[in-house]
Protein backbone atom coordinates (compact mmCIF):
# COMPACT_ATOMS: atom_id res chain seq x y z
CA MET A 1 181.82 53.25 207.42
CA ASN A 2 183.31 50.22 205.62
CA GLU A 3 181.10 47.48 207.09
CA ALA A 4 180.77 44.48 204.80
CA ILE A 5 177.13 43.75 203.69
CA PRO A 6 175.60 40.55 202.29
CA VAL A 7 175.42 40.25 198.58
CA SER A 8 172.65 38.26 196.91
CA ARG A 9 172.27 37.32 193.17
CA VAL A 10 170.20 35.08 191.02
CA THR A 11 172.89 33.33 188.95
CA ASP A 12 172.51 30.89 186.01
CA HIS A 13 171.48 27.89 188.32
CA GLY A 14 170.29 29.23 191.65
CA THR A 15 170.36 32.04 194.06
CA ALA A 16 173.84 32.92 195.46
CA ARG A 17 174.41 34.78 198.64
CA LEU A 18 177.72 36.03 199.90
CA MET A 19 177.62 36.71 203.67
CA PRO A 20 180.44 38.42 205.68
CA ASP A 21 182.01 36.70 208.71
CA VAL A 22 181.48 38.96 211.65
CA ASP A 23 184.61 37.38 213.35
CA ARG A 24 187.17 37.63 210.27
CA LYS A 25 187.42 41.13 208.73
CA ARG A 26 187.42 40.01 205.07
CA ALA A 27 185.99 36.47 205.16
CA TRP A 28 182.85 35.34 203.44
CA LEU A 29 180.49 32.49 203.31
CA LEU A 30 178.95 31.50 199.98
CA THR A 31 175.63 29.81 199.77
CA VAL A 32 173.62 28.67 196.83
CA ASP A 33 169.88 28.13 197.38
CA GLY A 34 170.59 28.16 201.10
CA ALA A 35 173.16 25.40 201.09
CA PRO A 36 176.78 26.24 202.26
CA GLN A 37 179.16 26.07 199.37
CA SER A 38 182.34 27.69 200.19
CA TYR A 39 184.09 29.88 202.85
CA VAL A 40 186.89 32.26 201.93
CA ASP A 41 189.04 34.60 203.82
CA LEU A 42 190.62 37.13 201.40
CA ASP A 43 193.33 38.05 203.90
CA GLU A 44 194.24 34.40 204.85
CA PRO A 45 193.73 32.11 201.93
CA THR A 46 195.34 29.14 203.69
CA HIS A 47 192.38 29.23 206.27
CA LEU A 48 190.05 26.47 205.49
CA GLU A 49 186.83 26.65 207.55
CA PHE A 50 184.93 23.76 206.30
CA GLU A 51 185.80 20.20 207.58
CA TYR A 52 185.88 18.70 204.12
CA ALA A 53 188.02 21.51 202.76
CA ARG A 54 190.58 20.97 205.50
CA ARG A 55 190.78 17.32 204.60
CA LEU A 56 191.33 18.07 200.88
CA GLY A 57 193.97 20.58 202.07
CA HIS A 58 195.83 17.91 204.00
CA VAL A 59 195.92 15.69 200.86
CA LEU A 60 197.09 18.55 198.75
CA ASP A 61 199.90 19.27 201.26
CA ALA A 62 201.14 15.63 201.03
CA LEU A 63 201.19 15.38 197.27
CA ALA A 64 204.76 16.93 196.88
CA GLU A 65 207.56 18.59 198.78
CA PRO A 66 206.32 21.92 200.31
CA GLY A 67 206.15 24.78 197.89
CA THR A 68 206.36 22.54 194.76
CA PRO A 69 204.04 24.00 192.14
CA LEU A 70 201.46 21.70 190.78
CA ASP A 71 199.15 21.57 187.69
CA ALA A 72 195.69 21.27 189.06
CA LEU A 73 192.21 20.79 187.58
CA HIS A 74 189.10 21.74 189.82
CA LEU A 75 185.71 20.45 188.92
CA GLY A 76 183.33 22.72 190.73
CA GLY A 77 184.36 26.34 191.52
CA GLY A 78 182.27 27.66 194.38
CA ALA A 79 184.13 30.70 195.74
CA LEU A 80 187.58 29.29 194.73
CA THR A 81 188.71 28.34 198.17
CA LEU A 82 191.05 25.42 197.19
CA PRO A 83 192.51 27.27 194.13
CA ARG A 84 193.31 30.01 196.57
CA TYR A 85 194.84 27.64 198.99
CA LEU A 86 197.04 25.96 196.35
CA ALA A 87 198.09 29.33 194.94
CA ALA A 88 199.24 30.35 198.48
CA THR A 89 200.91 27.08 199.67
CA ARG A 90 202.43 26.20 196.18
CA PRO A 91 203.23 29.42 194.31
CA GLY A 92 203.49 29.04 190.65
CA SER A 93 200.76 26.28 190.35
CA ARG A 94 198.80 26.33 187.17
CA GLN A 95 195.24 25.83 187.79
CA HIS A 96 192.06 25.40 185.78
CA VAL A 97 188.57 25.65 187.45
CA VAL A 98 185.45 24.34 185.70
CA GLU A 99 182.12 25.67 187.00
CA PHE A 100 178.84 25.09 185.32
CA ASP A 101 177.28 28.25 186.68
CA GLY A 102 179.01 31.07 184.78
CA GLY A 103 176.93 33.65 186.72
CA LEU A 104 178.39 32.22 189.92
CA LEU A 105 181.93 32.80 188.58
CA GLU A 106 181.05 36.23 187.75
CA LEU A 107 179.81 37.03 191.12
CA VAL A 108 182.89 35.54 192.96
CA ALA A 109 185.16 37.42 190.46
CA GLU A 110 183.57 40.74 191.26
CA HIS A 111 183.22 40.40 194.98
CA LEU A 112 186.07 37.83 195.95
CA PRO A 113 188.73 38.48 193.36
CA LEU A 114 191.67 36.22 193.06
CA PRO A 115 195.21 37.51 193.95
CA ALA A 116 196.91 38.92 190.88
CA GLU A 117 199.76 36.47 191.06
CA ALA A 118 197.47 33.49 191.08
CA ASP A 119 197.62 31.45 187.74
CA VAL A 120 194.05 30.32 187.80
CA THR A 121 191.98 30.16 184.56
CA LEU A 122 188.22 29.85 184.98
CA HIS A 123 185.87 28.06 182.57
CA ALA A 124 182.14 28.24 182.58
CA ALA A 125 181.36 24.77 181.43
CA ASP A 126 179.75 21.32 182.15
CA ALA A 127 182.33 19.30 184.08
CA ARG A 128 181.99 16.13 182.25
CA ALA A 129 182.11 17.67 178.85
CA TRP A 130 185.19 19.84 179.68
CA LEU A 131 187.06 16.74 181.20
CA GLU A 132 186.39 14.71 178.12
CA ALA A 133 188.01 17.42 175.91
CA ALA A 134 190.90 18.03 178.20
CA PRO A 135 194.45 16.77 177.03
CA ASP A 136 195.97 13.50 178.22
CA ASP A 137 198.53 13.63 180.97
CA SER A 138 197.94 17.32 181.80
CA ALA A 139 197.17 17.37 185.55
CA ASP A 140 199.11 16.51 188.74
CA VAL A 141 195.78 16.50 190.76
CA LEU A 142 192.17 16.74 189.94
CA VAL A 143 189.73 17.86 192.60
CA ALA A 144 186.04 17.05 192.16
CA ASP A 145 183.80 19.15 194.26
CA VAL A 146 180.73 19.38 192.22
CA PHE A 147 177.11 19.58 193.66
CA GLY A 148 173.91 20.28 192.01
CA GLY A 149 172.22 21.70 195.05
CA SER A 150 173.30 19.25 197.84
CA ARG A 151 173.85 16.29 195.52
CA VAL A 152 176.76 15.13 193.28
CA PRO A 153 175.40 14.82 189.72
CA ALA A 154 175.06 11.38 188.40
CA GLN A 155 177.22 11.96 185.37
CA LEU A 156 180.34 12.40 187.71
CA THR A 157 179.89 8.98 189.34
CA SER A 158 180.52 6.45 186.65
CA VAL A 159 183.34 4.20 185.34
CA ALA A 160 183.24 6.22 182.15
CA TYR A 161 183.83 9.39 184.02
CA VAL A 162 186.63 8.03 186.10
CA ARG A 163 188.22 6.66 182.92
CA GLU A 164 188.36 10.31 181.65
CA ALA A 165 189.78 11.62 185.01
CA ALA A 166 192.60 8.85 185.00
CA ARG A 167 193.41 9.77 181.40
CA VAL A 168 193.82 13.43 182.29
CA LEU A 169 196.03 12.69 185.14
CA ARG A 170 199.73 12.09 184.86
CA PRO A 171 201.17 8.82 186.01
CA HIS A 172 201.94 10.19 189.39
CA GLY A 173 198.73 12.21 189.59
CA VAL A 174 196.03 12.03 192.39
CA TYR A 175 192.33 12.32 192.12
CA LEU A 176 190.31 13.73 195.01
CA ALA A 177 186.57 13.84 195.54
CA ASN A 178 184.29 15.38 198.01
CA LEU A 179 181.08 13.17 198.51
CA ALA A 180 178.36 13.00 201.04
CA ASP A 181 176.54 9.83 202.15
CA SER A 182 175.42 8.01 205.42
CA ALA A 183 175.10 4.36 206.51
CA PRO A 184 174.79 1.87 205.06
CA PHE A 185 176.95 3.86 202.57
CA ASP A 186 175.67 2.37 199.37
CA PHE A 187 176.66 5.43 197.18
CA LEU A 188 180.08 5.83 198.79
CA ARG A 189 180.91 2.12 198.53
CA CYS A 190 179.97 2.01 194.88
CA GLN A 191 182.06 5.16 194.18
CA LEU A 192 185.14 3.34 195.71
CA ALA A 193 184.53 0.39 193.62
CA THR A 194 184.26 2.61 190.50
CA LEU A 195 187.48 4.35 191.45
CA ALA A 196 189.13 0.97 191.76
CA THR A 197 188.50 0.14 188.17
CA ARG A 198 191.22 2.71 187.15
CA PHE A 199 193.14 3.48 190.37
CA ARG A 200 195.49 1.04 192.35
CA GLU A 201 195.71 3.09 195.65
CA LEU A 202 192.55 4.43 197.46
CA ALA A 203 191.90 6.20 200.64
CA LEU A 204 188.95 7.53 202.49
CA ILE A 205 188.88 10.37 205.00
CA ALA A 206 185.96 11.11 207.12
CA GLU A 207 184.86 12.09 210.57
CA PRO A 208 184.55 8.95 212.84
CA GLY A 209 180.85 9.58 213.65
CA VAL A 210 180.02 9.49 209.92
CA LEU A 211 181.98 6.31 209.52
CA ARG A 212 180.20 4.59 212.44
CA GLY A 213 176.88 5.62 210.63
CA ARG A 214 175.82 8.11 213.30
CA ARG A 215 175.13 10.86 210.86
CA PHE A 216 175.01 12.04 207.19
CA GLY A 217 178.28 13.77 206.25
CA ASN A 218 181.10 14.43 203.79
CA ALA A 219 183.79 11.97 202.91
CA VAL A 220 186.99 12.73 200.99
CA LEU A 221 188.17 9.93 198.65
CA ALA A 222 191.80 9.95 197.21
CA ALA A 223 192.79 7.71 194.33
CA ALA A 224 196.14 7.19 192.66
CA HIS A 225 198.44 4.79 190.84
CA ARG A 226 201.26 5.48 193.40
CA PRO A 227 201.38 4.96 197.11
CA LEU A 228 199.64 7.70 199.09
CA ASP A 229 201.44 9.05 202.25
CA ILE A 230 198.88 7.37 204.65
CA THR A 231 201.04 8.06 207.65
CA ARG A 232 201.32 11.84 207.08
CA LEU A 233 197.54 12.00 206.20
CA SER A 234 196.56 10.13 209.28
CA ARG A 235 198.67 12.32 211.47
CA ALA A 236 197.31 15.62 209.92
CA THR A 237 193.71 14.51 210.02
CA ALA A 238 193.93 13.13 213.40
CA ALA A 239 195.55 16.34 214.82
CA ASP A 240 192.98 18.67 212.97
CA ALA A 241 190.62 20.97 214.95
CA PHE A 242 187.94 18.49 213.44
CA PRO A 243 189.58 15.19 213.71
CA ALA A 244 188.99 12.51 211.02
CA ARG A 245 190.05 9.08 210.23
CA VAL A 246 191.87 7.74 207.10
CA GLU A 247 190.70 4.24 205.84
CA HIS A 248 192.93 2.39 203.36
CA GLY A 249 194.24 -0.85 202.44
CA GLU A 250 192.57 -4.11 203.69
CA ALA A 251 190.13 -2.19 206.01
CA LEU A 252 188.89 -0.26 202.97
CA ARG A 253 188.63 -3.29 200.74
CA ASP A 254 186.45 -4.91 203.41
CA PHE A 255 184.24 -1.80 203.62
CA THR A 256 183.93 -1.79 199.73
CA ASP A 257 183.39 -5.60 199.55
CA GLY A 258 180.30 -6.49 197.41
CA ALA A 259 179.92 -3.00 195.87
CA ARG A 260 179.71 -2.84 192.04
CA PRO A 261 181.15 -0.19 189.81
CA VAL A 262 178.73 2.29 188.41
CA ARG A 263 177.88 2.30 184.66
CA ASP A 264 176.56 5.47 182.90
CA GLU A 265 173.18 3.86 182.32
CA ASP A 266 172.95 2.97 186.07
CA ALA A 267 174.35 6.12 187.49
CA VAL A 268 172.16 8.22 189.95
CA PRO A 269 173.08 11.46 192.02
CA SER A 270 174.47 11.08 195.55
CA PRO A 271 171.84 10.72 198.25
CA GLU A 272 169.58 13.72 199.24
CA PRO A 273 170.81 15.04 202.53
CA PRO A 274 168.37 14.77 205.40
CA ALA A 275 166.73 18.15 206.30
CA GLY A 276 169.02 20.55 208.06
CA ALA A 277 172.29 18.33 207.27
CA PHE A 278 173.98 21.18 205.56
CA GLY A 279 171.78 24.22 206.25
CA ILE A 280 172.74 27.25 208.13
CA GLY A 281 170.74 29.65 210.48
């Protein structure tokens, strides 16, 4: 019998659990302290199960011509879903992944190994500290998907942090972040104002129900110095199995109006999700 069985381990910063998907032969769900973190299909790395991951994937697809390799920096590792996706869709990409929980990296490497051809370097380190030491102009894309439990750490929400992200990105580079909030979107609006201190172009991708204030949920932010392909992004997200809306330009400026950039001394984590918002089972 080769039936996959769940794996549970206490790592450096929580209890991680890998659970096999009964519908996909070599697919796994990673949870940390009960909160879903990542989903990986080892046989089909381009399959993105989570809604927010699909939206990040749409932006990654639009960054350059299909198949063009990228230099990518991922803050937050999880089960390495997006590094696997980028290695499959853009072979030859050079990627660095920074994950605070070294024990989690070890668990993933042991049970969900990366393809041998994937050029992905793993770093067990604090995301802000690693970013501050990274070389200037060294990344085409920076993906921030860092959660302490179910909240984005305060140190990754400030103007000083965004300044470092902009420094590490090349002039054509794009910053992506997965955040979570609900109406009246005080956290999300301040994050947009903070990104606007360093980036000229901004876009917000989220499920319409979240944007209408009906529920707590994820929002993907994209920031760049160059124009983003809003038409392509809008088509891709609208046609997705989990449709989303892209806000940009004047509508996004109206949404952000009145919000103030976040200083280090004022920074707070993202809001605590309501009970059951991201739970399973």
